Amino acid sequence: MNVFPTAFRDLIILEPVLFKDERGFFMEAYNQRTFSALGLNYNFIQDNHSKSRYGVLRGLHFQKAPYAQTKLVRVLSGRILDVVVDLRAEEPTYGRHLSVELSAENGRQLLVPKGFAHGFVVLSEHAEVLYKCDEYYNKDSEGGIRFDDPDLKIDWSIPHDRIIISEKDLKLPQSYRHNHWDKS
């Protein structure tokens, strides 16, 4: 497994080794021993799976403590632009975002630690996304930021008029500045 650190503490890109031949490929997407050897000690307890079409934007979402989640995100089919925003006020990267393309073809995964808002937009005709979580979903602890926060200036890599977003996500707060992640 190749590990690519980012400028954000604990936010990393993982690239499993793909074994390809004329039949297709094989990869080990997750192995607890491998993760532990890399110092990544998470107890993943829930998998979430979504299928969406081009232009669907899901996010930016997070869970507040004590139900905050670390997520391991990967794409099973298609490709997405995965975006995270650091909400950890004590970090020098607070209020900054990172965008990374994840696809079934590149096999990359994004490990999103607690304290980040997370979202993605589908860049291909369809995409299936699977992510592991180390905490159960709790409706009362959900939070979010609108995808078009003017301070973040996220380039979602598709025309604005092609974005498909839920009514619920359109009602999210307009600014990340109203969302600080609290560890308690």
C-alpha atoms as a PDB file:
ATOM      1  CA  MET A   1       0.000   0.000   0.000  1.00  0.00           C
ATOM      2  CA  ASN A   2       1.395   3.381  -1.011  1.00  0.00           C
ATOM      3  CA  VAL A   3       0.720   6.243   1.403  1.00  0.00           C
ATOM      4  CA  PHE A   4       0.662   9.876   0.307  1.00  0.00           C
ATOM      5  CA  PRO A   5       0.531  12.409   3.140  1.00  0.00           C
ATOM      6  CA  THR A   6      -1.202  15.743   2.582  1.00  0.00           C
ATOM      7  CA  ALA A   7      -0.677  19.191   4.104  1.00  0.00           C
ATOM      8  CA  PHE A   8      -3.441  18.312   6.609  1.00  0.00           C
ATOM      9  CA  ARG A   9      -2.598  16.401   9.794  1.00  0.00           C
ATOM     10  CA  ASP A  10      -3.924  12.804   9.613  1.00  0.00           C
ATOM     11  CA  LEU A  11      -5.552  13.271   6.164  1.00  0.00           C
ATOM     12  CA  ILE A  12      -3.887  10.832   3.776  1.00  0.00           C
ATOM     13  CA  ILE A  13      -4.309   9.363   0.332  1.00  0.00           C
ATOM     14  CA  LEU A  14      -3.812   5.615   0.095  1.00  0.00           C
ATOM     15  CA  GLU A  15      -3.077   3.718  -3.073  1.00  0.00           C
ATOM     16  CA  PRO A  16      -3.463  -0.050  -2.823  1.00  0.00           C
ATOM     17  CA  VAL A  17      -1.265  -2.163  -5.060  1.00  0.00           C
ATOM     18  CA  LEU A  18      -3.226  -3.348  -8.107  1.00  0.00           C
ATOM     19  CA  PHE A  19      -2.371  -6.738  -9.574  1.00  0.00           C
ATOM     20  CA  LYS A  20      -3.542  -6.552 -13.197  1.00  0.00           C
ATOM     21  CA  ASP A  21      -3.691  -9.176 -15.910  1.00  0.00           C
ATOM     22  CA  GLU A  22      -5.899 -10.108 -18.870  1.00  0.00           C
ATOM     23  CA  ARG A  23      -8.734 -11.073 -16.471  1.00  0.00           C
ATOM     24  CA  GLY A  24      -8.866  -7.659 -14.777  1.00  0.00           C
ATOM     25  CA  PHE A  25      -7.311  -6.780 -11.435  1.00  0.00           C
ATOM     26  CA  PHE A  26      -7.085  -7.756  -7.796  1.00  0.00           C
ATOM     27  CA  MET A  27      -6.337  -5.455  -4.886  1.00  0.00           C
ATOM     28  CA  GLU A  28      -6.451  -5.640  -1.141  1.00  0.00           C
ATOM     29  CA  ALA A  29      -8.590  -2.585  -0.349  1.00  0.00           C
ATOM     30  CA  TYR A  30      -8.365  -2.914   3.430  1.00  0.00           C
ATOM     31  CA  ASN A  31      -6.289  -5.016   5.780  1.00  0.00           C
ATOM     32  CA  GLN A  32      -6.299  -4.149   9.479  1.00  0.00           C
ATOM     33  CA  ARG A  33      -2.729  -5.478   9.986  1.00  0.00           C
ATOM     34  CA  THR A  34      -1.411  -3.353   7.108  1.00  0.00           C
ATOM     35  CA  PHE A  35      -3.194  -0.275   8.447  1.00  0.00           C
ATOM     36  CA  SER A  36      -1.881  -0.908  11.972  1.00  0.00           C
ATOM     37  CA  ALA A  37       1.677  -1.274  10.636  1.00  0.00           C
ATOM     38  CA  LEU A  38       1.214   2.172   9.064  1.00  0.00           C
ATOM     39  CA  GLY A  39       0.069   3.577  12.422  1.00  0.00           C
ATOM     40  CA  LEU A  40      -3.551   3.787  11.241  1.00  0.00           C
ATOM     41  CA  ASN A  41      -5.438   2.212  14.106  1.00  0.00           C
ATOM     42  CA  TYR A  42      -9.145   2.526  13.408  1.00  0.00           C
ATOM     43  CA  ASN A  43     -11.985   0.210  14.281  1.00  0.00           C
ATOM     44  CA  PHE A  44     -14.239   0.510  11.235  1.00  0.00           C
ATOM     45  CA  ILE A  45     -17.770  -0.540  12.202  1.00  0.00           C
ATOM     46  CA  GLN A  46     -20.050   0.710   9.411  1.00  0.00           C
ATOM     47  CA  ASP A  47     -19.870   0.701   5.602  1.00  0.00           C
ATOM     48  CA  ASN A  48     -21.875   3.190   3.524  1.00  0.00           C
ATOM     49  CA  HIS A  49     -22.470   2.671  -0.194  1.00  0.00           C
ATOM     50  CA  SER A  50     -23.976   5.132  -2.661  1.00  0.00           C
ATOM     51  CA  LYS A  51     -24.666   5.106  -6.378  1.00  0.00           C
ATOM     52  CA  SER A  52     -25.135   8.422  -8.155  1.00  0.00           C
ATOM     53  CA  ARG A  53     -25.198   9.863 -11.661  1.00  0.00           C
ATOM     54  CA  TYR A  54     -23.138  12.614 -13.249  1.00  0.00           C
ATOM     55  CA  GLY A  55     -23.408  15.933 -11.427  1.00  0.00           C
ATOM     56  CA  VAL A  56     -24.773  14.576  -8.160  1.00  0.00           C
ATOM     57  CA  LEU A  57     -23.051  16.405  -5.320  1.00  0.00           C
ATOM     58  CA  ARG A  58     -23.306  14.905  -1.843  1.00  0.00           C
ATOM     59  CA  GLY A  59     -22.062  17.066   1.004  1.00  0.00           C
ATOM     60  CA  LEU A  60     -20.394  18.709   2.651  1.00  0.00           C
ATOM     61  CA  HIS A  61     -21.290  16.587   5.718  1.00  0.00           C
ATOM     62  CA  PHE A  62     -19.810  15.767   9.122  1.00  0.00           C
ATOM     63  CA  GLN A  63     -20.790  14.258  12.458  1.00  0.00           C
ATOM     64  CA  LYS A  64     -20.274  16.226  15.683  1.00  0.00           C
ATOM     65  CA  ALA A  65     -18.637  14.649  18.743  1.00  0.00           C
ATOM     66  CA  PRO A  66     -19.125  12.220  20.327  1.00  0.00           C
ATOM     67  CA  TYR A  67     -20.311  10.630  17.062  1.00  0.00           C
ATOM     68  CA  ALA A  68     -17.634  12.122  14.787  1.00  0.00           C
ATOM     69  CA  GLN A  69     -16.454   9.677  12.146  1.00  0.00           C
ATOM     70  CA  THR A  70     -13.170   8.806  10.505  1.00  0.00           C
ATOM     71  CA  LYS A  71     -13.943   7.653   6.953  1.00  0.00           C
ATOM     72  CA  LEU A  72     -12.029   5.557   4.452  1.00  0.00           C
ATOM     73  CA  VAL A  73     -13.494   6.514   1.058  1.00  0.00           C
ATOM     74  CA  ARG A  74     -13.093   4.635  -2.218  1.00  0.00           C
ATOM     75  CA  VAL A  75     -14.843   4.384  -5.577  1.00  0.00           C
ATOM     76  CA  LEU A  76     -16.117   1.021  -6.830  1.00  0.00           C
ATOM     77  CA  SER A  77     -17.159   2.258 -10.289  1.00  0.00           C
ATOM     78  CA  GLY A  78     -16.790   5.561 -12.119  1.00  0.00           C
ATOM     79  CA  ARG A  79     -14.972   8.597 -10.789  1.00  0.00           C
ATOM     80  CA  ILE A  80     -15.606  11.417  -8.340  1.00  0.00           C
ATOM     81  CA  LEU A  81     -14.024  14.576  -7.069  1.00  0.00           C
ATOM     82  CA  ASP A  82     -13.771  14.037  -3.324  1.00  0.00           C
ATOM     83  CA  VAL A  83     -13.555  17.201  -1.219  1.00  0.00           C
ATOM     84  CA  VAL A  84     -12.807  17.681   2.476  1.00  0.00           C
ATOM     85  CA  VAL A  85     -12.765  20.822   4.625  1.00  0.00           C
ATOM     86  CA  ASP A  86     -10.758  21.021   7.854  1.00  0.00           C
ATOM     87  CA  LEU A  87     -13.053  22.161  10.683  1.00  0.00           C
ATOM     88  CA  ARG A  88     -10.483  21.651  13.462  1.00  0.00           C
ATOM     89  CA  ALA A  89     -10.107  25.245  14.709  1.00  0.00           C
ATOM     90  CA  GLU A  90      -6.815  24.449  16.490  1.00  0.00           C
ATOM     91  CA  GLU A  91      -5.133  23.330  13.253  1.00  0.00           C
ATOM     92  CA  PRO A  92      -3.179  25.658  10.942  1.00  0.00           C
ATOM     93  CA  THR A  93      -5.187  24.133   8.073  1.00  0.00           C
ATOM     94  CA  TYR A  94      -8.538  25.163   9.609  1.00  0.00           C
ATOM     95  CA  GLY A  95     -10.904  26.382   6.890  1.00  0.00           C
ATOM     96  CA  ARG A  96      -8.812  24.980   4.044  1.00  0.00           C
ATOM     97  CA  HIS A  97     -10.010  22.283   1.704  1.00  0.00           C
ATOM     98  CA  LEU A  98      -8.473  19.502  -0.339  1.00  0.00           C
ATOM     99  CA  SER A  99      -9.860  18.019  -3.542  1.00  0.00           C
ATOM    100  CA  VAL A 100      -8.728  14.681  -4.930  1.00  0.00           C
ATOM    101  CA  GLU A 101     -10.023  12.573  -7.795  1.00  0.00           C
ATOM    102  CA  LEU A 102     -10.896   9.044  -6.757  1.00  0.00           C
ATOM    103  CA  SER A 103     -11.858   6.459  -9.345  1.00  0.00           C
ATOM    104  CA  ALA A 104     -12.301   2.753  -9.787  1.00  0.00           C
ATOM    105  CA  GLU A 105      -9.402   2.915 -12.221  1.00  0.00           C
ATOM    106  CA  ASN A 106      -6.845   4.691  -9.998  1.00  0.00           C
ATOM    107  CA  GLY A 107      -7.892   2.686  -6.903  1.00  0.00           C
ATOM    108  CA  ARG A 108      -7.007   5.573  -4.601  1.00  0.00           C
ATOM    109  CA  GLN A 109      -8.662   5.898  -1.229  1.00  0.00           C
ATOM    110  CA  LEU A 110      -8.936   8.910   1.040  1.00  0.00           C
ATOM    111  CA  LEU A 111      -8.646   8.529   4.799  1.00  0.00           C
ATOM    112  CA  VAL A 112     -10.685  11.394   6.262  1.00  0.00           C
ATOM    113  CA  PRO A 113     -10.110  11.865  10.005  1.00  0.00           C
ATOM    114  CA  LYS A 114     -12.601  13.212  12.527  1.00  0.00           C
ATOM    115  CA  GLY A 115     -12.992  16.973  12.299  1.00  0.00           C
ATOM    116  CA  PHE A 116     -13.430  17.257   8.526  1.00  0.00           C
ATOM    117  CA  ALA A 117     -16.520  17.985   6.449  1.00  0.00           C
ATOM    118  CA  HIS A 118     -16.710  15.609   3.494  1.00  0.00           C
ATOM    119  CA  GLY A 119     -18.445  15.663   0.140  1.00  0.00           C
ATOM    120  CA  PHE A 120     -18.069  14.549  -3.444  1.00  0.00           C
ATOM    121  CA  VAL A 121     -19.397  15.178  -6.925  1.00  0.00           C
ATOM    122  CA  VAL A 122     -19.758  12.521  -9.630  1.00  0.00           C
ATOM    123  CA  LEU A 123     -17.586  13.220 -12.688  1.00  0.00           C
ATOM    124  CA  SER A 124     -18.478  10.108 -14.710  1.00  0.00           C
ATOM    125  CA  GLU A 125     -21.835   8.944 -16.071  1.00  0.00           C
ATOM    126  CA  HIS A 126     -22.390   7.009 -12.812  1.00  0.00           C
ATOM    127  CA  ALA A 127     -20.298   6.267  -9.750  1.00  0.00           C
ATOM    128  CA  GLU A 128     -20.524   3.934  -6.793  1.00  0.00           C
ATOM    129  CA  VAL A 129     -18.794   5.093  -3.632  1.00  0.00           C
ATOM    130  CA  LEU A 130     -18.085   2.973  -0.571  1.00  0.00           C
ATOM    131  CA  TYR A 131     -16.762   4.313   2.681  1.00  0.00           C
ATOM    132  CA  LYS A 132     -15.933   2.732   5.968  1.00  0.00           C
ATOM    133  CA  CYS A 133     -16.702   4.613   9.201  1.00  0.00           C
ATOM    134  CA  ASP A 134     -15.315   4.129  12.689  1.00  0.00           C
ATOM    135  CA  GLU A 135     -18.483   5.399  14.389  1.00  0.00           C
ATOM    136  CA  TYR A 136     -22.166   4.780  13.787  1.00  0.00           C
ATOM    137  CA  TYR A 137     -24.279   7.450  12.109  1.00  0.00           C
ATOM    138  CA  ASN A 138     -26.256   9.585  14.555  1.00  0.00           C
ATOM    139  CA  LYS A 139     -28.916  11.875  13.075  1.00  0.00           C
ATOM    140  CA  ASP A 140     -28.846  14.327  15.999  1.00  0.00           C
ATOM    141  CA  SER A 141     -25.130  14.877  15.529  1.00  0.00           C
ATOM    142  CA  GLU A 142     -25.088  15.554  11.778  1.00  0.00           C
ATOM    143  CA  GLY A 143     -23.842  18.865  10.451  1.00  0.00           C
ATOM    144  CA  GLY A 144     -22.799  20.332   7.170  1.00  0.00           C
ATOM    145  CA  ILE A 145     -21.683  23.233   5.022  1.00  0.00           C
ATOM    146  CA  ARG A 146     -23.135  24.343   1.699  1.00  0.00           C
ATOM    147  CA  PHE A 147     -21.166  23.220  -1.325  1.00  0.00           C
ATOM    148  CA  ASP A 148     -20.903  26.818  -2.583  1.00  0.00           C
ATOM    149  CA  ASP A 149     -19.462  28.455   0.558  1.00  0.00           C
ATOM    150  CA  PRO A 150     -18.034  31.728  -0.852  1.00  0.00           C
ATOM    151  CA  ASP A 151     -15.015  31.645   1.480  1.00  0.00           C
ATOM    152  CA  LEU A 152     -13.970  28.139   0.450  1.00  0.00           C
ATOM    153  CA  LYS A 153     -14.257  28.770  -3.318  1.00  0.00           C
ATOM    154  CA  ILE A 154     -14.316  25.051  -4.111  1.00  0.00           C
ATOM    155  CA  ASP A 155     -13.949  24.215  -7.795  1.00  0.00           C
ATOM    156  CA  TRP A 156     -16.191  21.170  -8.193  1.00  0.00           C
ATOM    157  CA  SER A 157     -14.835  20.542 -11.723  1.00  0.00           C
ATOM    158  CA  ILE A 158     -18.257  20.545 -13.402  1.00  0.00           C
ATOM    159  CA  PRO A 159     -20.463  23.391 -14.645  1.00  0.00           C
ATOM    160  CA  HIS A 160     -22.495  24.920 -11.799  1.00  0.00           C
ATOM    161  CA  ASP A 161     -25.752  24.417 -13.722  1.00  0.00           C
ATOM    162  CA  ARG A 162     -25.076  20.654 -13.963  1.00  0.00           C
ATOM    163  CA  ILE A 163     -24.822  20.177 -10.178  1.00  0.00           C
ATOM    164  CA  ILE A 164     -27.627  18.049  -8.713  1.00  0.00           C
ATOM    165  CA  ILE A 165     -28.009  18.560  -4.974  1.00  0.00           C
ATOM    166  CA  SER A 166     -30.629  17.539  -2.416  1.00  0.00           C
ATOM    167  CA  GLU A 167     -32.999  20.039  -0.814  1.00  0.00           C
ATOM    168  CA  LYS A 168     -31.505  19.061   2.545  1.00  0.00           C
ATOM    169  CA  ASP A 169     -27.972  19.971   1.384  1.00  0.00           C
ATOM    170  CA  LEU A 170     -29.205  23.270  -0.076  1.00  0.00           C
ATOM    171  CA  LYS A 171     -30.362  24.247   3.435  1.00  0.00           C
ATOM    172  CA  LEU A 172     -26.926  23.737   5.017  1.00  0.00           C
ATOM    173  CA  PRO A 173     -25.148  26.768   6.538  1.00  0.00           C
ATOM    174  CA  GLN A 174     -23.531  28.989   3.918  1.00  0.00           C
ATOM    175  CA  SER A 175     -20.162  29.280   5.676  1.00  0.00           C
ATOM    176  CA  TYR A 176     -17.694  26.876   7.252  1.00  0.00           C
ATOM    177  CA  ARG A 177     -16.987  29.625   9.813  1.00  0.00           C
ATOM    178  CA  HIS A 178     -20.190  28.613  11.633  1.00  0.00           C
ATOM    179  CA  ASN A 179     -18.876  25.060  12.047  1.00  0.00           C
ATOM    180  CA  HIS A 180     -16.024  24.308  14.415  1.00  0.00           C
ATOM    181  CA  TRP A 181     -15.401  20.731  15.225  1.00  0.00           C
ATOM    182  CA  ASP A 182     -15.329  20.164  18.972  1.00  0.00           C
ATOM    183  CA  LYS A 183     -13.560  17.029  20.264  1.00  0.00           C
ATOM    184  CA  SER A 184     -15.701  16.853  23.389  1.00  0.00           C
END
